[in-house]
Amino acid sequence: MREFLIRTSADHGWPAFQRDRMADVLQPTGWDCEPIGGGGDFRVRTEGVDVSYCGEEIGWHVTFDADLPWAKEWMEQVTRQVAAAAGEPCEWLELS
């Protein structure tokens, strides 16, 4: 399992956007993935790996339930989309 955090660059908090935009914002553009049910605020599956998102005060906690070789590229793309949706610069960091 790999864990990441997407947070605002300025105050290291949760980058908020409208809840009805989660599918557009938290699925990286151009990637083959689909929303699925399960824990968290939003969850998608790509290549047999479940990626879950939980909005917390410190940011979006992102968990990959198995190894995805290009997880960092995924995080780069989703972080750009979150920053655009939230209207402020954001960053990501790996927690584990």
PDB file of N, CA and C in Angstrom:
ATOM      1  N   MET A   1       0.847  -1.169   0.000  1.00  0.00           N
ATOM      2  CA  MET A   1       0.000   0.000   0.000  1.00  0.00           C
ATOM      3  C   MET A   1       0.896   1.236   0.000  1.00  0.00           C
ATOM      4  N   ARG A   2       0.499   2.235  -0.797  1.00  0.00           N
ATOM      5  CA  ARG A   2       1.206   3.520  -0.821  1.00  0.00           C
ATOM      6  C   ARG A   2       0.216   4.613  -0.463  1.00  0.00           C
ATOM      7  N   GLU A   3       0.702   5.590   0.293  1.00  0.00           N
ATOM      8  CA  GLU A   3      -0.149   6.691   0.732  1.00  0.00           C
ATOM      9  C   GLU A   3       0.493   8.026   0.370  1.00  0.00           C
ATOM     10  N   PHE A   4      -0.367   8.950  -0.030  1.00  0.00           N
ATOM     11  CA  PHE A   4       0.061  10.284  -0.417  1.00  0.00           C
ATOM     12  C   PHE A   4      -0.882  11.311   0.202  1.00  0.00           C
ATOM     13  N   LEU A   5      -0.480  12.563   0.119  1.00  0.00           N
ATOM     14  CA  LEU A   5      -1.309  13.672   0.579  1.00  0.00           C
ATOM     15  C   LEU A   5      -1.242  14.770  -0.470  1.00  0.00           C
ATOM     16  N   ILE A   6      -2.407  15.289  -0.855  1.00  0.00           N
ATOM     17  CA  ILE A   6      -2.485  16.468  -1.713  1.00  0.00           C
ATOM     18  C   ILE A   6      -2.971  17.601  -0.827  1.00  0.00           C
ATOM     19  N   ARG A   7      -2.199  18.675  -0.770  1.00  0.00           N
ATOM     20  CA  ARG A   7      -2.549  19.794   0.103  1.00  0.00           C
ATOM     21  C   ARG A   7      -2.262  21.115  -0.596  1.00  0.00           C
ATOM     22  N   THR A   8      -2.800  22.186  -0.038  1.00  0.00           N
ATOM     23  CA  THR A   8      -2.510  23.502  -0.580  1.00  0.00           C
ATOM     24  C   THR A   8      -1.057  23.852  -0.278  1.00  0.00           C
ATOM     25  N   SER A   9      -0.433  24.548  -1.194  1.00  0.00           N
ATOM     26  CA  SER A   9       0.976  24.908  -1.017  1.00  0.00           C
ATOM     27  C   SER A   9       1.160  25.978   0.059  1.00  0.00           C
ATOM     28  N   ALA A  10       0.239  26.921   0.139  1.00  0.00           N
ATOM     29  CA  ALA A  10       0.404  28.050   1.052  1.00  0.00           C
ATOM     30  C   ALA A  10       0.197  27.681   2.518  1.00  0.00           C
ATOM     31  N   ASP A  11      -0.943  27.060   2.834  1.00  0.00           N
ATOM     32  CA  ASP A  11      -1.244  26.805   4.251  1.00  0.00           C
ATOM     33  C   ASP A  11      -1.277  25.325   4.620  1.00  0.00           C
ATOM     34  N   HIS A  12      -0.895  24.457   3.668  1.00  0.00           N
ATOM     35  CA  HIS A  12      -0.842  23.012   3.904  1.00  0.00           C
ATOM     36  C   HIS A  12      -2.164  22.474   4.439  1.00  0.00           C
ATOM     37  N   GLY A  13      -3.243  22.901   3.805  1.00  0.00           N
ATOM     38  CA  GLY A  13      -4.577  22.453   4.195  1.00  0.00           C
ATOM     39  C   GLY A  13      -5.275  21.719   3.071  1.00  0.00           C
ATOM     40  N   TRP A  14      -6.550  21.505   3.265  1.00  0.00           N
ATOM     41  CA  TRP A  14      -7.383  20.767   2.331  1.00  0.00           C
ATOM     42  C   TRP A  14      -7.790  21.668   1.168  1.00  0.00           C
ATOM     43  N   PRO A  15      -7.445  21.301  -0.061  1.00  0.00           N
ATOM     44  CA  PRO A  15      -7.896  22.072  -1.219  1.00  0.00           C
ATOM     45  C   PRO A  15      -9.336  21.687  -1.570  1.00  0.00           C
ATOM     46  N   ALA A  16     -10.255  22.553  -1.237  1.00  0.00           N
ATOM     47  CA  ALA A  16     -11.677  22.261  -1.408  1.00  0.00           C
ATOM     48  C   ALA A  16     -12.164  22.624  -2.810  1.00  0.00           C
ATOM     49  N   PHE A  17     -13.102  21.840  -3.292  1.00  0.00           N
ATOM     50  CA  PHE A  17     -13.809  22.112  -4.536  1.00  0.00           C
ATOM     51  C   PHE A  17     -15.188  21.484  -4.391  1.00  0.00           C
ATOM     52  N   GLN A  18     -16.082  21.786  -5.314  1.00  0.00           N
ATOM     53  CA  GLN A  18     -17.451  21.281  -5.209  1.00  0.00           C
ATOM     54  C   GLN A  18     -17.494  19.758  -5.260  1.00  0.00           C
ATOM     55  N   ARG A  19     -18.241  19.192  -4.343  1.00  0.00           N
ATOM     56  CA  ARG A  19     -18.341  17.735  -4.204  1.00  0.00           C
ATOM     57  C   ARG A  19     -18.808  17.050  -5.488  1.00  0.00           C
ATOM     58  N   ASP A  20     -19.678  17.690  -6.242  1.00  0.00           N
ATOM     59  CA  ASP A  20     -20.184  17.065  -7.465  1.00  0.00           C
ATOM     60  C   ASP A  20     -19.143  17.018  -8.584  1.00  0.00           C
ATOM     61  N   ARG A  21     -17.950  17.556  -8.343  1.00  0.00           N
ATOM     62  CA  ARG A  21     -16.867  17.538  -9.334  1.00  0.00           C
ATOM     63  C   ARG A  21     -15.829  16.460  -9.049  1.00  0.00           C
ATOM     64  N   MET A  22     -16.016  15.642  -8.018  1.00  0.00           N
ATOM     65  CA  MET A  22     -14.992  14.665  -7.635  1.00  0.00           C
ATOM     66  C   MET A  22     -14.589  13.759  -8.798  1.00  0.00           C
ATOM     67  N   ALA A  23     -15.539  13.256  -9.554  1.00  0.00           N
ATOM     68  CA  ALA A  23     -15.196  12.349 -10.657  1.00  0.00           C
ATOM     69  C   ALA A  23     -14.315  13.050 -11.686  1.00  0.00           C
ATOM     70  N   ASP A  24     -14.580  14.305 -11.973  1.00  0.00           N
ATOM     71  CA  ASP A  24     -13.776  15.056 -12.945  1.00  0.00           C
ATOM     72  C   ASP A  24     -12.398  15.415 -12.404  1.00  0.00           C
ATOM     73  N   VAL A  25     -12.326  15.720 -11.124  1.00  0.00           N
ATOM     74  CA  VAL A  25     -11.087  16.222 -10.533  1.00  0.00           C
ATOM     75  C   VAL A  25     -10.166  15.097 -10.065  1.00  0.00           C
ATOM     76  N   LEU A  26     -10.706  14.047  -9.478  1.00  0.00           N
ATOM     77  CA  LEU A  26      -9.875  13.020  -8.847  1.00  0.00           C
ATOM     78  C   LEU A  26      -9.553  11.820  -9.739  1.00  0.00           C
ATOM     79  N   GLN A  27     -10.032  11.838 -10.974  1.00  0.00           N
ATOM     80  CA  GLN A  27      -9.621  10.839 -11.960  1.00  0.00           C
ATOM     81  C   GLN A  27      -8.673  11.542 -12.922  1.00  0.00           C
ATOM     82  N   PRO A  28      -7.443  11.095 -13.029  1.00  0.00           N
ATOM     83  CA  PRO A  28      -6.510  11.806 -13.898  1.00  0.00           C
ATOM     84  C   PRO A  28      -6.931  11.754 -15.365  1.00  0.00           C
ATOM     85  N   THR A  29      -6.945  12.891 -15.998  1.00  0.00           N
ATOM     86  CA  THR A  29      -7.313  12.999 -17.397  1.00  0.00           C
ATOM     87  C   THR A  29      -6.393  12.140 -18.256  1.00  0.00           C
ATOM     88  N   GLY A  30      -7.000  11.359 -19.131  1.00  0.00           N
ATOM     89  CA  GLY A  30      -6.235  10.538 -20.053  1.00  0.00           C
ATOM     90  C   GLY A  30      -5.860   9.168 -19.526  1.00  0.00           C
ATOM     91  N   TRP A  31      -6.222   8.852 -18.288  1.00  0.00           N
ATOM     92  CA  TRP A  31      -5.906   7.544 -17.707  1.00  0.00           C
ATOM     93  C   TRP A  31      -7.133   6.648 -17.802  1.00  0.00           C
ATOM     94  N   ASP A  32      -6.902   5.369 -17.954  1.00  0.00           N
ATOM     95  CA  ASP A  32      -7.976   4.390 -18.002  1.00  0.00           C
ATOM     96  C   ASP A  32      -8.339   4.003 -16.570  1.00  0.00           C
ATOM     97  N   CYS A  33      -9.409   4.592 -16.059  1.00  0.00           N
ATOM     98  CA  CYS A  33      -9.861   4.284 -14.705  1.00  0.00           C
ATOM     99  C   CYS A  33     -11.368   4.502 -14.632  1.00  0.00           C
ATOM    100  N   GLU A  34     -11.975   3.920 -13.596  1.00  0.00           N
ATOM    101  CA  GLU A  34     -13.417   4.056 -13.430  1.00  0.00           C
ATOM    102  C   GLU A  34     -13.766   4.170 -11.955  1.00  0.00           C
ATOM    103  N   PRO A  35     -14.777   4.992 -11.629  1.00  0.00           N
ATOM    104  CA  PRO A  35     -15.218   5.097 -10.233  1.00  0.00           C
ATOM    105  C   PRO A  35     -15.798   3.773  -9.764  1.00  0.00           C
ATOM    106  N   ILE A  36     -15.554   3.456  -8.489  1.00  0.00           N
ATOM    107  CA  ILE A  36     -16.104   2.250  -7.880  1.00  0.00           C
ATOM    108  C   ILE A  36     -16.614   2.598  -6.491  1.00  0.00           C
ATOM    109  N   GLY A  37     -17.416   1.747  -5.930  1.00  0.00           N
ATOM    110  CA  GLY A  37     -17.892   1.927  -4.566  1.00  0.00           C
ATOM    111  C   GLY A  37     -16.817   1.518  -3.575  1.00  0.00           C
ATOM    112  N   GLY A  38     -17.033   1.869  -2.330  1.00  0.00           N
ATOM    113  CA  GLY A  38     -16.096   1.480  -1.284  1.00  0.00           C
ATOM    114  C   GLY A  38     -15.842   2.624  -0.337  1.00  0.00           C
ATOM    115  N   GLY A  39     -14.852   2.434   0.525  1.00  0.00           N
ATOM    116  CA  GLY A  39     -14.548   3.432   1.542  1.00  0.00           C
ATOM    117  C   GLY A  39     -13.957   4.710   0.973  1.00  0.00           C
ATOM    118  N   GLY A  40     -13.976   5.737   1.806  1.00  0.00           N
ATOM    119  CA  GLY A  40     -13.438   7.026   1.405  1.00  0.00           C
ATOM    120  C   GLY A  40     -14.501   7.921   0.797  1.00  0.00           C
ATOM    121  N   ASP A  41     -14.080   9.112   0.402  1.00  0.00           N
ATOM    122  CA  ASP A  41     -14.995  10.056  -0.230  1.00  0.00           C
ATOM    123  C   ASP A  41     -15.173   9.769  -1.715  1.00  0.00           C
ATOM    124  N   PHE A  42     -14.142   9.176  -2.320  1.00  0.00           N
ATOM    125  CA  PHE A  42     -14.186   8.837  -3.738  1.00  0.00           C
ATOM    126  C   PHE A  42     -13.175   7.733  -3.974  1.00  0.00           C
ATOM    127  N   ARG A  43     -13.506   6.818  -4.892  1.00  0.00           N
ATOM    128  CA  ARG A  43     -12.621   5.671  -5.155  1.00  0.00           C
ATOM    129  C   ARG A  43     -12.697   5.327  -6.635  1.00  0.00           C
ATOM    130  N   VAL A  44     -11.526   5.035  -7.210  1.00  0.00           N
ATOM    131  CA  VAL A  44     -11.443   4.605  -8.602  1.00  0.00           C
ATOM    132  C   VAL A  44     -10.580   3.354  -8.692  1.00  0.00           C
ATOM    133  N   ARG A  45     -10.707   2.647  -9.810  1.00  0.00           N
ATOM    134  CA  ARG A  45      -9.869   1.470 -10.068  1.00  0.00           C
ATOM    135  C   ARG A  45      -9.164   1.675 -11.401  1.00  0.00           C
ATOM    136  N   THR A  46      -7.875   1.372 -11.398  1.00  0.00           N
ATOM    137  CA  THR A  46      -7.078   1.391 -12.615  1.00  0.00           C
ATOM    138  C   THR A  46      -6.144   0.193 -12.598  1.00  0.00           C
ATOM    139  N   GLU A  47      -6.139  -0.559 -13.656  1.00  0.00           N
ATOM    140  CA  GLU A  47      -5.256  -1.723 -13.792  1.00  0.00           C
ATOM    141  C   GLU A  47      -5.260  -2.630 -12.562  1.00  0.00           C
ATOM    142  N   GLY A  48      -6.448  -2.849 -11.989  1.00  0.00           N
ATOM    143  CA  GLY A  48      -6.591  -3.730 -10.839  1.00  0.00           C
ATOM    144  C   GLY A  48      -6.187  -3.120  -9.509  1.00  0.00           C
ATOM    145  N   VAL A  49      -5.847  -1.833  -9.488  1.00  0.00           N
ATOM    146  CA  VAL A  49      -5.451  -1.140  -8.263  1.00  0.00           C
ATOM    147  C   VAL A  49      -6.564  -0.170  -7.879  1.00  0.00           C
ATOM    148  N   ASP A  50      -6.995  -0.232  -6.614  1.00  0.00           N
ATOM    149  CA  ASP A  50      -7.984   0.710  -6.101  1.00  0.00           C
ATOM    150  C   ASP A  50      -7.259   1.918  -5.520  1.00  0.00           C
ATOM    151  N   VAL A  51      -7.743   3.096  -5.912  1.00  0.00           N
ATOM    152  CA  VAL A  51      -7.191   4.352  -5.412  1.00  0.00           C
ATOM    153  C   VAL A  51      -8.317   5.059  -4.673  1.00  0.00           C
ATOM    154  N   SER A  52      -8.131   5.299  -3.372  1.00  0.00           N
ATOM    155  CA  SER A  52      -9.178   5.955  -2.593  1.00  0.00           C
ATOM    156  C   SER A  52      -8.719   7.335  -2.148  1.00  0.00           C
ATOM    157  N   TYR A  53      -9.693   8.243  -2.054  1.00  0.00           N
ATOM    158  CA  TYR A  53      -9.463   9.626  -1.646  1.00  0.00           C
ATOM    159  C   TYR A  53     -10.333   9.938  -0.436  1.00  0.00           C
ATOM    160  N   CYS A  54      -9.730  10.512   0.593  1.00  0.00           N
ATOM    161  CA  CYS A  54     -10.464  10.965   1.772  1.00  0.00           C
ATOM    162  C   CYS A  54     -10.084  12.420   2.029  1.00  0.00           C
ATOM    163  N   GLY A  55     -11.068  13.285   2.042  1.00  0.00           N
ATOM    164  CA  GLY A  55     -10.823  14.688   2.341  1.00  0.00           C
ATOM    165  C   GLY A  55     -10.668  14.885   3.841  1.00  0.00           C
ATOM    166  N   GLU A  56      -9.537  15.435   4.250  1.00  0.00           N
ATOM    167  CA  GLU A  56      -9.246  15.687   5.667  1.00  0.00           C
ATOM    168  C   GLU A  56      -8.753  17.128   5.814  1.00  0.00           C
ATOM    169  N   GLU A  57      -8.729  17.637   7.022  1.00  0.00           N
ATOM    170  CA  GLU A  57      -8.281  19.011   7.242  1.00  0.00           C
ATOM    171  C   GLU A  57      -6.893  19.264   6.683  1.00  0.00           C
ATOM    172  N   ILE A  58      -6.052  18.255   6.709  1.00  0.00           N
ATOM    173  CA  ILE A  58      -4.673  18.427   6.244  1.00  0.00           C
ATOM    174  C   ILE A  58      -4.521  18.221   4.741  1.00  0.00           C
ATOM    175  N   GLY A  59      -5.580  17.815   4.042  1.00  0.00           N
ATOM    176  CA  GLY A  59      -5.533  17.637   2.599  1.00  0.00           C
ATOM    177  C   GLY A  59      -6.284  16.392   2.155  1.00  0.00           C
ATOM    178  N   TRP A  60      -6.117  16.038   0.889  1.00  0.00           N
ATOM    179  CA  TRP A  60      -6.702  14.818   0.349  1.00  0.00           C
ATOM    180  C   TRP A  60      -5.749  13.670   0.616  1.00  0.00           C
ATOM    181  N   HIS A  61      -6.171  12.733   1.440  1.00  0.00           N
ATOM    182  CA  HIS A  61      -5.381  11.533   1.724  1.00  0.00           C
ATOM    183  C   HIS A  61      -5.677  10.544   0.605  1.00  0.00           C
ATOM    184  N   VAL A  62      -4.636  10.124  -0.112  1.00  0.00           N
ATOM    185  CA  VAL A  62      -4.777   9.252  -1.274  1.00  0.00           C
ATOM    186  C   VAL A  62      -4.086   7.930  -0.968  1.00  0.00           C
ATOM    187  N   THR A  63      -4.802   6.827  -1.138  1.00  0.00           N
ATOM    188  CA  THR A  63      -4.253   5.499  -0.850  1.00  0.00           C
ATOM    189  C   THR A  63      -4.375   4.607  -2.074  1.00  0.00           C
ATOM    190  N   PHE A  64      -3.262   4.003  -2.466  1.00  0.00           N
ATOM    191  CA  PHE A  64      -3.224   2.988  -3.511  1.00  0.00           C
ATOM    192  C   PHE A  64      -3.172   1.644  -2.791  1.00  0.00           C
ATOM    193  N   ASP A  65      -4.125   0.741  -3.052  1.00  0.00           N
ATOM    194  CA  ASP A  65      -4.167  -0.512  -2.295  1.00  0.00           C
ATOM    195  C   ASP A  65      -3.141  -1.543  -2.762  1.00  0.00           C
ATOM    196  N   ALA A  66      -2.454  -1.282  -3.849  1.00  0.00           N
ATOM    197  CA  ALA A  66      -1.396  -2.154  -4.360  1.00  0.00           C
ATOM    198  C   ALA A  66      -0.407  -1.274  -5.124  1.00  0.00           C
ATOM    199  N   ASP A  67       0.693  -1.876  -5.525  1.00  0.00           N
ATOM    200  CA  ASP A  67       1.713  -1.106  -6.225  1.00  0.00           C
ATOM    201  C   ASP A  67       1.245  -0.728  -7.624  1.00  0.00           C
ATOM    202  N   LEU A  68       1.359   0.535  -7.948  1.00  0.00           N
ATOM    203  CA  LEU A  68       1.111   1.042  -9.285  1.00  0.00           C
ATOM    204  C   LEU A  68       2.416   1.721  -9.704  1.00  0.00           C
ATOM    205  N   PRO A  69       3.131   1.159 -10.665  1.00  0.00           N
ATOM    206  CA  PRO A  69       4.460   1.669 -11.006  1.00  0.00           C
ATOM    207  C   PRO A  69       4.507   3.172 -11.310  1.00  0.00           C
ATOM    208  N   TRP A  70       3.447   3.707 -11.796  1.00  0.00           N
ATOM    209  CA  TRP A  70       3.437   5.132 -12.135  1.00  0.00           C
ATOM    210  C   TRP A  70       2.548   5.934 -11.180  1.00  0.00           C
ATOM    211  N   ALA A  71       2.558   5.570  -9.912  1.00  0.00           N
ATOM    212  CA  ALA A  71       1.759   6.283  -8.902  1.00  0.00           C
ATOM    213  C   ALA A  71       2.162   7.755  -8.812  1.00  0.00           C
ATOM    214  N   LYS A  72       3.448   8.046  -8.939  1.00  0.00           N
ATOM    215  CA  LYS A  72       3.890   9.448  -8.840  1.00  0.00           C
ATOM    216  C   LYS A  72       3.376  10.275 -10.018  1.00  0.00           C
ATOM    217  N   GLU A  73       3.339   9.691 -11.194  1.00  0.00           N
ATOM    218  CA  GLU A  73       2.788  10.398 -12.348  1.00  0.00           C
ATOM    219  C   GLU A  73       1.288  10.639 -12.152  1.00  0.00           C
ATOM    220  N   TRP A  74       0.613   9.640 -11.579  1.00  0.00           N
ATOM    221  CA  TRP A  74      -0.818   9.782 -11.239  1.00  0.00           C
ATOM    222  C   TRP A  74      -0.991  10.978 -10.297  1.00  0.00           C
ATOM    223  N   MET A  75      -0.172  11.021  -9.260  1.00  0.00           N
ATOM    224  CA  MET A  75      -0.273  12.095  -8.271  1.00  0.00           C
ATOM    225  C   MET A  75       0.000  13.462  -8.892  1.00  0.00           C
ATOM    226  N   GLU A  76       0.970  13.549  -9.793  1.00  0.00           N
ATOM    227  CA  GLU A  76       1.270  14.818 -10.480  1.00  0.00           C
ATOM    228  C   GLU A  76       0.043  15.317 -11.238  1.00  0.00           C
ATOM    229  N   GLN A  77      -0.585  14.436 -12.003  1.00  0.00           N
ATOM    230  CA  GLN A  77      -1.742  14.826 -12.805  1.00  0.00           C
ATOM    231  C   GLN A  77      -2.926  15.207 -11.926  1.00  0.00           C
ATOM    232  N   VAL A  78      -3.247  14.382 -10.936  1.00  0.00           N
ATOM    233  CA  VAL A  78      -4.391  14.684 -10.074  1.00  0.00           C
ATOM    234  C   VAL A  78      -4.145  15.975  -9.288  1.00  0.00           C
ATOM    235  N   THR A  79      -2.922  16.199  -8.838  1.00  0.00           N
ATOM    236  CA  THR A  79      -2.624  17.424  -8.091  1.00  0.00           C
ATOM    237  C   THR A  79      -2.827  18.657  -8.966  1.00  0.00           C
ATOM    238  N   ARG A  80      -2.446  18.584 -10.229  1.00  0.00           N
ATOM    239  CA  ARG A  80      -2.705  19.711 -11.155  1.00  0.00           C
ATOM    240  C   ARG A  80      -4.214  19.953 -11.285  1.00  0.00           C
ATOM    241  N   GLN A  81      -4.979  18.868 -11.376  1.00  0.00           N
ATOM    242  CA  GLN A  81      -6.432  18.998 -11.512  1.00  0.00           C
ATOM    243  C   GLN A  81      -7.057  19.553 -10.231  1.00  0.00           C
ATOM    244  N   VAL A  82      -6.585  19.116  -9.074  1.00  0.00           N
ATOM    245  CA  VAL A  82      -7.093  19.626  -7.800  1.00  0.00           C
ATOM    246  C   VAL A  82      -6.781  21.111  -7.676  1.00  0.00           C
ATOM    247  N   ALA A  83      -5.566  21.509  -8.026  1.00  0.00           N
ATOM    248  CA  ALA A  83      -5.173  22.928  -7.951  1.00  0.00           C
ATOM    249  C   ALA A  83      -6.069  23.788  -8.841  1.00  0.00           C
ATOM    250  N   ALA A  84      -6.347  23.310 -10.042  1.00  0.00           N
ATOM    251  CA  ALA A  84      -7.224  24.054 -10.951  1.00  0.00           C
ATOM    252  C   ALA A  84      -8.636  24.162 -10.384  1.00  0.00           C
ATOM    253  N   ALA A  85      -9.151  23.075  -9.828  1.00  0.00           N
ATOM    254  CA  ALA A  85     -10.511  23.072  -9.273  1.00  0.00           C
ATOM    255  C   ALA A  85     -10.616  23.918  -8.014  1.00  0.00           C
ATOM    256  N   ALA A  86      -9.571  23.886  -7.185  1.00  0.00           N
ATOM    257  CA  ALA A  86      -9.580  24.650  -5.932  1.00  0.00           C
ATOM    258  C   ALA A  86      -9.214  26.115  -6.152  1.00  0.00           C
ATOM    259  N   GLY A  87      -8.580  26.410  -7.279  1.00  0.00           N
ATOM    260  CA  GLY A  87      -8.193  27.788  -7.567  1.00  0.00           C
ATOM    261  C   GLY A  87      -6.997  28.265  -6.776  1.00  0.00           C
ATOM    262  N   GLU A  88      -6.134  27.340  -6.354  1.00  0.00           N
ATOM    263  CA  GLU A  88      -4.913  27.720  -5.635  1.00  0.00           C
ATOM    264  C   GLU A  88      -3.841  26.654  -5.828  1.00  0.00           C
ATOM    265  N   PRO A  89      -2.580  27.050  -5.726  1.00  0.00           N
ATOM    266  CA  PRO A  89      -1.493  26.091  -5.910  1.00  0.00           C
ATOM    267  C   PRO A  89      -1.558  24.964  -4.880  1.00  0.00           C
ATOM    268  N   CYS A  90      -1.256  23.763  -5.351  1.00  0.00           N
ATOM    269  CA  CYS A  90      -1.262  22.595  -4.478  1.00  0.00           C
ATOM    270  C   CYS A  90       0.016  21.789  -4.698  1.00  0.00           C
ATOM    271  N   GLU A  91       0.295  20.921  -3.740  1.00  0.00           N
ATOM    272  CA  GLU A  91       1.460  20.044  -3.804  1.00  0.00           C
ATOM    273  C   GLU A  91       1.064  18.680  -3.295  1.00  0.00           C
ATOM    274  N   TRP A  92       1.900  17.682  -3.594  1.00  0.00           N
ATOM    275  CA  TRP A  92       1.662  16.341  -3.071  1.00  0.00           C
ATOM    276  C   TRP A  92       2.932  15.847  -2.429  1.00  0.00           C
ATOM    277  N   LEU A  93       2.757  14.940  -1.477  1.00  0.00           N
ATOM    278  CA  LEU A  93       3.895  14.298  -0.849  1.00  0.00           C
ATOM    279  C   LEU A  93       3.536  12.873  -0.527  1.00  0.00           C
ATOM    280  N   GLU A  94       4.566  12.013  -0.523  1.00  0.00           N
ATOM    281  CA  GLU A  94       4.344  10.606  -0.218  1.00  0.00           C
ATOM    282  C   GLU A  94       4.459  10.411   1.281  1.00  0.00           C
ATOM    283  N   LEU A  95       3.505   9.698   1.863  1.00  0.00           N
ATOM    284  CA  LEU A  95       3.482   9.478   3.303  1.00  0.00           C
ATOM    285  C   LEU A  95       4.142   8.168   3.693  1.00  0.00           C
ATOM    286  N   SER A  96       4.125   7.193   2.813  1.00  0.00           N
ATOM    287  CA  SER A  96       4.737   5.905   3.140  1.00  0.00           C
ATOM    288  C   SER A  96       5.411   5.308   1.942  1.00  0.00           C
TER     289      SER A  96
END
